[in-house]
Amino acid sequence: MNLHNLITTLLLLAFTLQVRAQRPYSLWMTQSEMQRTPKSYLLDLSSKPKWSYVMGIELEAMLDTYLLYKDSTILNYCKEYIDTMIDAQGNIQGYRFDEYNLDNIRTGHFVARMYQLDPQPRCRIAMQTLMRQLEQQPRTEADSVFWHKAIYSYQVWLDGIFMGLPYHTLAATMLQTPEAARPIYDDAVNQVSITYQRTYDPKTGLNRHAWDETHEMFWADKQTGLSQHCWGRAQGWYSMALIELLDVLPANYERRSEVIKLLRKDLDAVIKWQDSKSGLWYQVMDSPNREGNYLEATCSSMFAYVLLKAYRMGYVGTRYRKAGIKAYQGILKHFIRIDADNTISLTHCCSVAGLGPGISEKVLKAAPNVKENLRRDGSFQYYLSEPIRDNDAKGLGPFIWASLEMERMKSK
């Protein structure tokens, strides 16, 4: 290498180290995403605007970055999604009430947060529409827990707990009187508690991805109704649901302690399955040593975020903070890549995973047009068969939240 090339290389290295030192990761990732995807409604890489929990999660994390660092370009980016997806009458583009899809509720959490900053009437109308869906959302017969979707009738997924309950409680505080909101709080605590019990695996201390009340689904154990494994991201959805419920439930609400107790039990199991070397977690969380399994970025980001926030909020002690810091350092080491244009990327993200749908008499009654998907059987091999990609918004949002927790910690 000649002297000129050596100097150039050293300058580039110095610049990179300077950027690392000066720019917080939350801000760096948010700005990277805005550079990669100039239109906020295209965060899922589709070619047209889409109402989806995917955008809602990432945009809400970006909103929190704005609230800490006050970069107005971030707020404008967030507003663009609202302006695109909700018209002046409060109609939501692409939303289908009759699908009873809890995934479609989650974006309402972002809308509610934006409404708190800028109380536009159209946002309030959209929020009321989503609340009406939850009022009519089908529930399991034995426990009165939300079905995940009409096409997943009688099924309780950890995913759905996150998609539906935090919004339900948040919107209740904003749209209802305290007296009217109280039953919604009680219902949320009941649902997270029952879901924990229904999906709990005593052998691992973790929670299986889903439970089928009918025990008829092709992926469900005929005796227990449980799916086969704990999928890392599903466990992460549940953990984040608990921390978000605690954000909203009033300080004097007597059942908060039940949620805190659940959070501690959940995080105790999460820490138990943390990889001791990397500080991260595996795609199939309950089978870390099986051939082909891999350390996965979205669930690792979720757990880092919840562990760090649970400590900051005083729900847990220092060992949880240590586990969260170790996880975050592992994410930076194993999953964060600096790209040629000086953006950063989150690598090793599972693109998507689910169960079914399958067909039964009850399913067809709830969703006559359902199409069966037997490939998604909840097996170890299935979870490994799904694509792995960079910069999946389901991981970017939690990574930004985890980064904000670290940055708050450092600022103190």
Protein backbone atom coordinates (compact mmCIF):
# COMPACT_ATOMS: atom_id res chain seq x y z
CA MET A 1 0.00 0.00 0.00
CA ASN A 2 1.47 3.39 -1.00
CA LEU A 3 1.57 6.39 1.31
CA HIS A 4 -1.45 8.07 -0.30
CA ASN A 5 -3.66 4.98 0.08
CA LEU A 6 -2.47 4.48 3.63
CA ILE A 7 -3.34 8.05 4.58
CA THR A 8 -6.75 7.73 2.90
CA THR A 9 -7.49 4.51 4.77
CA LEU A 10 -6.47 6.03 8.10
CA LEU A 11 -8.62 9.11 7.47
CA LEU A 12 -11.64 6.96 6.63
CA LEU A 13 -11.07 4.90 9.76
CA ALA A 14 -10.75 8.04 11.87
CA PHE A 15 -13.94 9.44 10.33
CA THR A 16 -15.85 6.24 11.03
CA LEU A 17 -14.68 6.16 14.64
CA GLN A 18 -15.61 9.82 15.02
CA VAL A 19 -19.12 9.17 13.69
CA ARG A 20 -19.49 6.21 16.05
CA ALA A 21 -18.46 8.40 18.97
CA GLN A 22 -20.60 11.41 18.10
CA ARG A 23 -23.86 10.05 16.71
CA PRO A 24 -26.16 8.03 19.00
CA TYR A 25 -27.20 4.71 17.51
CA SER A 26 -30.90 5.52 17.83
CA LEU A 27 -30.45 8.65 15.75
CA TRP A 28 -28.04 6.95 13.36
CA MET A 29 -30.43 4.06 12.66
CA THR A 30 -33.43 6.38 12.34
CA GLN A 31 -31.60 8.61 9.86
CA SER A 32 -30.29 5.54 8.01
CA GLU A 33 -33.82 4.26 7.51
CA MET A 34 -35.05 7.65 6.34
CA GLN A 35 -32.20 7.71 3.83
CA ARG A 36 -32.88 4.14 2.66
CA THR A 37 -36.63 4.63 2.46
CA PRO A 38 -37.55 8.25 1.72
CA LYS A 39 -41.29 7.54 1.99
CA SER A 40 -42.44 6.50 5.46
CA TYR A 41 -45.36 4.47 4.11
CA LEU A 42 -42.96 2.21 2.19
CA LEU A 43 -41.06 0.90 5.20
CA ASP A 44 -42.13 -2.65 4.42
CA LEU A 45 -40.50 -2.30 0.97
CA SER A 46 -43.84 -2.66 -0.83
CA SER A 47 -44.59 -0.52 -3.86
CA LYS A 48 -47.73 1.09 -2.48
CA PRO A 49 -48.95 2.55 0.82
CA LYS A 50 -49.87 -0.10 3.36
CA TRP A 51 -51.54 -0.08 6.76
CA SER A 52 -49.39 -2.50 8.72
CA TYR A 53 -47.99 -3.08 12.18
CA VAL A 54 -44.56 -3.21 10.55
CA MET A 55 -44.57 0.51 9.79
CA GLY A 56 -46.27 1.34 13.07
CA ILE A 57 -43.54 -0.24 15.18
CA GLU A 58 -40.61 1.36 13.39
CA LEU A 59 -42.28 4.78 13.12
CA GLU A 60 -43.11 4.78 16.81
CA ALA A 61 -39.47 4.09 17.65
CA MET A 62 -38.51 6.94 15.33
CA LEU A 63 -41.02 9.15 17.12
CA ASP A 64 -39.33 8.38 20.43
CA THR A 65 -36.00 9.29 18.85
CA TYR A 66 -37.50 12.63 17.83
CA LEU A 67 -38.80 13.20 21.36
CA LEU A 68 -35.29 12.75 22.77
CA TYR A 69 -33.25 14.56 20.12
CA LYS A 70 -35.80 17.00 18.61
CA ASP A 71 -34.78 16.50 14.98
CA SER A 72 -37.82 17.93 13.14
CA THR A 73 -37.10 15.92 9.97
CA ILE A 74 -37.96 12.76 11.95
CA LEU A 75 -41.29 14.19 13.08
CA ASN A 76 -42.13 15.22 9.52
CA TYR A 77 -41.30 11.71 8.34
CA CYS A 78 -43.69 10.28 10.92
CA LYS A 79 -46.42 12.75 9.94
CA GLU A 80 -46.12 11.66 6.32
CA TYR A 81 -47.47 8.22 7.20
CA ILE A 82 -50.49 9.71 8.98
CA ASP A 83 -51.16 12.07 6.09
CA THR A 84 -50.96 9.22 3.58
CA MET A 85 -52.90 6.52 5.40
CA ILE A 86 -55.74 8.42 7.14
CA ASP A 87 -57.98 10.76 5.16
CA ALA A 88 -59.79 13.85 6.44
CA GLN A 89 -62.82 11.76 7.42
CA GLY A 90 -60.72 9.37 9.47
CA ASN A 91 -60.88 6.47 7.00
CA ILE A 92 -57.83 4.18 7.08
CA GLN A 93 -56.44 3.20 3.70
CA GLY A 94 -56.29 -0.58 3.25
CA TYR A 95 -57.85 -1.41 6.63
CA ARG A 96 -60.44 -4.22 6.78
CA PHE A 97 -62.64 -4.27 9.87
CA ASP A 98 -64.15 -7.66 9.07
CA GLU A 99 -60.79 -9.44 9.08
CA TYR A 100 -60.65 -9.03 12.88
CA ASN A 101 -56.89 -8.92 12.51
CA LEU A 102 -55.05 -7.84 15.65
CA ASP A 103 -52.01 -6.97 13.55
CA ASN A 104 -54.03 -4.09 12.08
CA ILE A 105 -54.63 -2.71 15.56
CA ARG A 106 -50.95 -2.22 16.40
CA THR A 107 -50.42 0.75 14.08
CA GLY A 108 -53.09 2.52 16.12
CA HIS A 109 -50.57 2.71 18.95
CA PHE A 110 -48.40 4.92 16.76
CA VAL A 111 -51.42 6.97 15.70
CA ALA A 112 -52.39 7.48 19.34
CA ARG A 113 -48.87 8.65 20.19
CA MET A 114 -48.96 11.09 17.28
CA TYR A 115 -52.41 12.29 18.38
CA GLN A 116 -50.95 13.17 21.76
CA LEU A 117 -48.56 15.54 19.98
CA ASP A 118 -51.02 16.85 17.40
CA PRO A 119 -54.70 16.11 18.19
CA GLN A 120 -56.06 15.92 14.66
CA PRO A 121 -59.77 14.90 14.50
CA ARG A 122 -59.06 12.33 11.77
CA CYS A 123 -56.64 10.49 14.08
CA ARG A 124 -59.26 10.36 16.81
CA ILE A 125 -61.83 8.94 14.38
CA ALA A 126 -59.36 6.29 13.21
CA MET A 127 -58.62 5.39 16.84
CA GLN A 128 -62.33 5.01 17.52
CA THR A 129 -62.65 2.68 14.53
CA LEU A 130 -59.91 0.44 15.91
CA MET A 131 -61.55 0.48 19.33
CA ARG A 132 -64.81 -0.70 17.75
CA GLN A 133 -62.96 -3.63 16.21
CA LEU A 134 -61.64 -4.63 19.63
CA GLU A 135 -65.12 -4.30 21.13
CA GLN A 136 -66.30 -6.87 18.58
CA GLN A 137 -63.10 -8.92 18.33
CA PRO A 138 -63.93 -12.65 18.61
CA ARG A 139 -62.61 -14.35 21.74
CA THR A 140 -61.88 -17.85 22.97
CA GLU A 141 -64.88 -19.51 24.56
CA ALA A 142 -63.23 -20.71 27.77
CA ASP A 143 -61.03 -17.71 28.63
CA SER A 144 -62.35 -14.71 26.66
CA VAL A 145 -58.96 -13.97 25.07
CA PHE A 146 -58.82 -12.29 21.65
CA TRP A 147 -58.47 -14.50 18.60
CA HIS A 148 -55.40 -13.48 16.62
CA LYS A 149 -57.40 -13.08 13.39
CA ALA A 150 -60.62 -14.40 11.87
CA ILE A 151 -58.55 -16.83 9.80
CA TYR A 152 -56.88 -17.94 13.07
CA SER A 153 -60.13 -18.54 14.90
CA TYR A 154 -59.95 -19.85 18.49
CA GLN A 155 -56.19 -19.27 18.43
CA VAL A 156 -54.18 -17.20 20.91
CA TRP A 157 -50.76 -16.07 19.66
CA LEU A 158 -48.13 -14.23 21.68
CA ASP A 159 -47.88 -11.90 18.67
CA GLY A 160 -51.51 -10.85 19.07
CA ILE A 161 -51.08 -9.92 22.71
CA PHE A 162 -48.61 -7.24 21.66
CA MET A 163 -50.64 -6.16 18.64
CA GLY A 164 -53.90 -5.60 20.48
CA LEU A 165 -53.64 -5.00 24.22
CA PRO A 166 -51.18 -2.07 24.52
CA TYR A 167 -53.29 -0.08 22.06
CA HIS A 168 -56.53 -1.01 23.81
CA THR A 169 -55.26 0.27 27.15
CA LEU A 170 -53.59 3.39 25.73
CA ALA A 171 -56.64 4.41 23.70
CA ALA A 172 -58.87 3.76 26.72
CA THR A 173 -56.96 6.37 28.72
CA MET A 174 -57.40 8.86 25.87
CA LEU A 175 -60.95 8.17 24.68
CA GLN A 176 -62.77 6.92 27.79
CA THR A 177 -63.58 8.22 31.23
CA PRO A 178 -61.62 6.59 34.07
CA GLU A 179 -64.71 4.59 35.00
CA ALA A 180 -65.19 3.31 31.44
CA ALA A 181 -61.46 2.59 31.04
CA ARG A 182 -61.25 0.42 34.17
CA PRO A 183 -62.88 -2.70 32.60
CA ILE A 184 -60.45 -2.41 29.68
CA TYR A 185 -57.50 -2.38 32.09
CA ASP A 186 -58.90 -5.42 33.88
CA ASP A 187 -59.45 -7.21 30.58
CA ALA A 188 -55.87 -6.53 29.48
CA VAL A 189 -54.44 -7.93 32.73
CA ASN A 190 -56.71 -10.96 32.46
CA GLN A 191 -55.63 -11.62 28.87
CA VAL A 192 -51.87 -11.36 29.48
CA SER A 193 -52.18 -13.59 32.54
CA ILE A 194 -54.31 -16.24 30.84
CA THR A 195 -52.12 -16.20 27.73
CA TYR A 196 -49.05 -16.76 29.88
CA GLN A 197 -50.70 -19.76 31.53
CA ARG A 198 -52.03 -21.23 28.29
CA THR A 199 -48.71 -20.98 26.42
CA TYR A 200 -46.34 -21.74 29.31
CA ASP A 201 -43.89 -24.60 28.86
CA PRO A 202 -42.83 -25.90 32.29
CA LYS A 203 -39.82 -27.71 30.83
CA THR A 204 -38.19 -24.48 29.63
CA GLY A 205 -39.96 -21.71 31.54
CA LEU A 206 -40.63 -20.07 28.17
CA ASN A 207 -43.88 -19.64 26.27
CA ARG A 208 -44.82 -21.49 23.12
CA HIS A 209 -45.68 -19.41 20.07
CA ALA A 210 -49.43 -20.10 20.19
CA TRP A 211 -52.29 -22.09 21.67
CA ASP A 212 -55.32 -23.50 19.84
CA GLU A 213 -58.45 -23.77 21.94
CA THR A 214 -59.96 -26.43 19.69
CA HIS A 215 -56.79 -28.60 19.68
CA GLU A 216 -57.69 -29.30 16.03
CA MET A 217 -55.08 -27.27 14.13
CA PHE A 218 -52.48 -29.33 12.30
CA TRP A 219 -49.70 -27.51 14.18
CA ALA A 220 -51.23 -27.99 17.63
CA ASP A 221 -50.58 -30.75 20.13
CA LYS A 222 -53.81 -32.73 20.36
CA GLN A 223 -53.60 -32.94 24.16
CA THR A 224 -52.48 -29.42 25.06
CA GLY A 225 -53.34 -27.32 22.00
CA LEU A 226 -49.81 -25.87 22.06
CA SER A 227 -47.52 -25.21 19.13
CA GLN A 228 -44.19 -27.05 19.11
CA HIS A 229 -41.64 -24.37 20.04
CA CYS A 230 -40.85 -21.05 21.58
CA TRP A 231 -40.10 -18.74 18.68
CA GLY A 232 -37.77 -15.96 19.81
CA ARG A 233 -39.71 -13.07 18.29
CA ALA A 234 -43.03 -14.31 19.66
CA GLN A 235 -41.54 -14.34 23.16
CA GLY A 236 -40.24 -10.85 22.43
CA TRP A 237 -43.70 -9.64 21.42
CA TYR A 238 -45.05 -10.83 24.75
CA SER A 239 -42.24 -9.18 26.73
CA MET A 240 -42.80 -5.87 24.98
CA ALA A 241 -46.55 -6.10 25.57
CA LEU A 242 -45.96 -6.31 29.32
CA ILE A 243 -43.64 -3.30 29.45
CA GLU A 244 -46.04 -1.24 27.33
CA LEU A 245 -49.03 -2.11 29.50
CA LEU A 246 -47.10 -0.84 32.49
CA ASP A 247 -46.45 2.41 30.61
CA VAL A 248 -50.20 3.02 30.46
CA LEU A 249 -51.85 1.44 33.51
CA PRO A 250 -52.38 4.17 36.13
CA ALA A 251 -49.93 4.28 39.02
CA ASN A 252 -52.76 3.73 41.52
CA TYR A 253 -54.28 0.82 39.61
CA GLU A 254 -54.07 -2.06 42.05
CA ARG A 255 -53.49 -4.79 39.46
CA ARG A 256 -50.25 -3.27 38.16
CA SER A 257 -48.42 -5.59 40.54
CA GLU A 258 -49.77 -8.61 38.65
CA VAL A 259 -48.20 -7.35 35.43
CA ILE A 260 -44.89 -6.57 37.14
CA LYS A 261 -44.85 -10.11 38.56
CA LEU A 262 -45.49 -11.53 35.09
CA LEU A 263 -42.74 -9.35 33.64
CA ARG A 264 -40.22 -10.65 36.16
CA LYS A 265 -41.18 -14.27 35.48
CA ASP A 266 -40.94 -13.65 31.76
CA LEU A 267 -37.53 -11.98 31.98
CA ASP A 268 -36.19 -14.64 34.35
CA ALA A 269 -36.86 -17.20 31.61
CA VAL A 270 -35.45 -14.92 28.91
CA ILE A 271 -32.18 -14.47 30.81
CA LYS A 272 -31.94 -18.23 31.38
CA TRP A 273 -31.89 -18.77 27.59
CA GLN A 274 -29.49 -15.92 26.78
CA ASP A 275 -26.41 -17.18 24.97
CA SER A 276 -23.55 -16.83 27.46
CA LYS A 277 -20.91 -16.02 24.85
CA SER A 278 -22.66 -13.51 22.58
CA GLY A 279 -25.37 -12.21 24.93
CA LEU A 280 -27.96 -12.89 22.21
CA TRP A 281 -30.86 -15.28 21.63
CA TYR A 282 -31.63 -17.93 19.03
CA GLN A 283 -34.33 -18.00 16.38
CA VAL A 284 -35.86 -21.15 17.88
CA MET A 285 -35.31 -20.00 21.40
CA ASP A 286 -35.84 -23.29 23.23
CA SER A 287 -33.45 -25.31 21.00
CA PRO A 288 -30.21 -23.30 20.95
CA ASN A 289 -27.89 -26.25 20.36
CA ARG A 290 -29.70 -27.88 17.46
CA GLU A 291 -27.91 -27.83 14.15
CA GLY A 292 -28.90 -24.97 11.88
CA ASN A 293 -30.29 -22.68 14.57
CA TYR A 294 -28.94 -19.13 14.48
CA LEU A 295 -28.64 -16.04 16.66
CA GLU A 296 -31.47 -13.73 15.59
CA ALA A 297 -31.52 -9.94 15.63
CA THR A 298 -35.19 -9.03 16.10
CA CYS A 299 -35.80 -11.01 19.28
CA SER A 300 -32.37 -10.06 20.66
CA SER A 301 -33.24 -6.38 20.16
CA MET A 302 -36.61 -6.86 21.83
CA PHE A 303 -35.14 -8.51 24.91
CA ALA A 304 -32.35 -5.94 25.20
CA TYR A 305 -34.93 -3.17 25.10
CA VAL A 306 -37.28 -4.70 27.67
CA LEU A 307 -34.49 -5.67 30.07
CA LEU A 308 -33.01 -2.17 30.01
CA LYS A 309 -36.34 -0.38 30.28
CA ALA A 310 -37.62 -2.67 33.04
CA TYR A 311 -34.56 -1.73 35.08
CA ARG A 312 -34.91 1.99 34.36
CA MET A 313 -38.55 1.91 35.44
CA GLY A 314 -37.68 0.13 38.69
CA TYR A 315 -39.49 -3.13 37.96
CA VAL A 316 -36.37 -5.31 38.18
CA GLY A 317 -32.86 -5.26 39.68
CA THR A 318 -29.32 -4.85 38.42
CA ARG A 319 -28.83 -8.36 37.05
CA TYR A 320 -31.49 -7.61 34.43
CA ARG A 321 -29.68 -4.40 33.49
CA LYS A 322 -26.42 -6.35 33.14
CA ALA A 323 -28.16 -8.87 30.90
CA GLY A 324 -29.60 -6.04 28.82
CA ILE A 325 -26.24 -4.32 28.42
CA LYS A 326 -24.60 -7.59 27.44
CA ALA A 327 -27.33 -8.17 24.87
CA TYR A 328 -26.97 -4.69 23.43
CA GLN A 329 -23.20 -5.03 23.14
CA GLY A 330 -23.76 -8.36 21.39
CA ILE A 331 -26.13 -6.70 18.91
CA LEU A 332 -23.56 -4.04 18.07
CA LYS A 333 -20.84 -6.66 17.64
CA HIS A 334 -22.74 -9.30 15.68
CA PHE A 335 -25.61 -7.56 13.91
CA ILE A 336 -24.77 -3.90 13.20
CA ARG A 337 -23.00 -3.18 9.92
CA ILE A 338 -21.70 0.18 8.73
CA ASP A 339 -22.53 0.49 5.04
CA ALA A 340 -20.57 2.24 2.31
CA ASP A 341 -22.84 5.30 2.42
CA ASN A 342 -22.28 5.59 6.20
CA THR A 343 -25.73 4.32 7.05
CA ILE A 344 -26.00 1.40 9.45
CA SER A 345 -27.91 -1.84 9.02
CA LEU A 346 -29.35 -4.47 11.34
CA THR A 347 -28.49 -7.90 9.93
CA HIS A 348 -29.68 -11.47 10.65
CA CYS A 349 -33.38 -10.64 10.94
CA CYS A 350 -35.98 -13.36 10.47
CA SER A 351 -38.29 -11.92 7.84
CA VAL A 352 -41.54 -13.51 9.00
CA ALA A 353 -42.93 -16.60 10.72
CA GLY A 354 -46.39 -17.85 11.61
CA LEU A 355 -48.61 -20.87 12.03
CA GLY A 356 -50.95 -22.03 9.29
CA PRO A 357 -53.64 -21.07 8.66
CA GLY A 358 -55.28 -24.45 8.72
CA ILE A 359 -58.82 -25.44 7.86
CA SER A 360 -61.43 -26.87 10.20
CA GLU A 361 -65.20 -26.58 10.40
CA LYS A 362 -64.93 -23.78 12.96
CA VAL A 363 -62.32 -21.91 10.95
CA LEU A 364 -64.43 -22.03 7.79
CA LYS A 365 -67.39 -20.67 9.71
CA ALA A 366 -65.34 -17.68 10.90
CA ALA A 367 -63.43 -17.15 7.63
CA PRO A 368 -65.02 -18.93 4.64
CA ASN A 369 -62.31 -17.81 2.22
CA VAL A 370 -59.32 -18.96 4.24
CA LYS A 371 -56.50 -20.63 2.31
CA GLU A 372 -54.62 -23.43 4.03
CA ASN A 373 -50.85 -23.22 4.50
CA LEU A 374 -49.49 -26.50 5.81
CA ARG A 375 -45.86 -25.43 5.45
CA ARG A 376 -46.11 -23.21 8.52
CA ASP A 377 -46.38 -26.09 10.97
CA GLY A 378 -44.37 -24.65 13.87
CA SER A 379 -41.60 -27.23 13.58
CA PHE A 380 -37.94 -26.47 14.20
CA GLN A 381 -37.26 -26.91 10.48
CA TYR A 382 -40.07 -24.52 9.59
CA TYR A 383 -38.72 -21.62 11.65
CA LEU A 384 -35.31 -22.07 10.06
CA SER A 385 -36.80 -22.15 6.56
CA GLU A 386 -38.08 -18.57 6.65
CA PRO A 387 -35.90 -15.94 4.91
CA ILE A 388 -33.25 -13.98 6.79
CA ARG A 389 -32.84 -10.35 5.77
CA ASP A 390 -31.29 -7.06 6.75
CA ASN A 391 -33.20 -4.12 8.23
CA ASP A 392 -36.49 -5.76 9.02
CA ALA A 393 -38.62 -3.10 10.69
CA LYS A 394 -39.75 -5.61 13.32
CA GLY A 395 -36.18 -5.55 14.58
CA LEU A 396 -35.26 -1.97 13.76
CA GLY A 397 -37.95 -0.54 16.02
CA PRO A 398 -36.83 -2.53 19.07
CA PHE A 399 -33.17 -1.83 18.27
CA ILE A 400 -33.89 1.91 18.26
CA TRP A 401 -35.77 1.55 21.57
CA ALA A 402 -32.88 -0.42 23.09
CA SER A 403 -30.46 2.24 21.85
CA LEU A 404 -32.55 4.98 23.46
CA GLU A 405 -32.43 3.10 26.75
CA MET A 406 -28.63 2.87 26.55
CA GLU A 407 -28.38 6.54 25.64
CA ARG A 408 -30.57 7.58 28.57
CA MET A 409 -28.43 5.46 30.84
CA LYS A 410 -25.22 7.07 29.60
CA SER A 411 -26.66 10.57 29.93
CA LYS A 412 -27.19 9.97 33.64
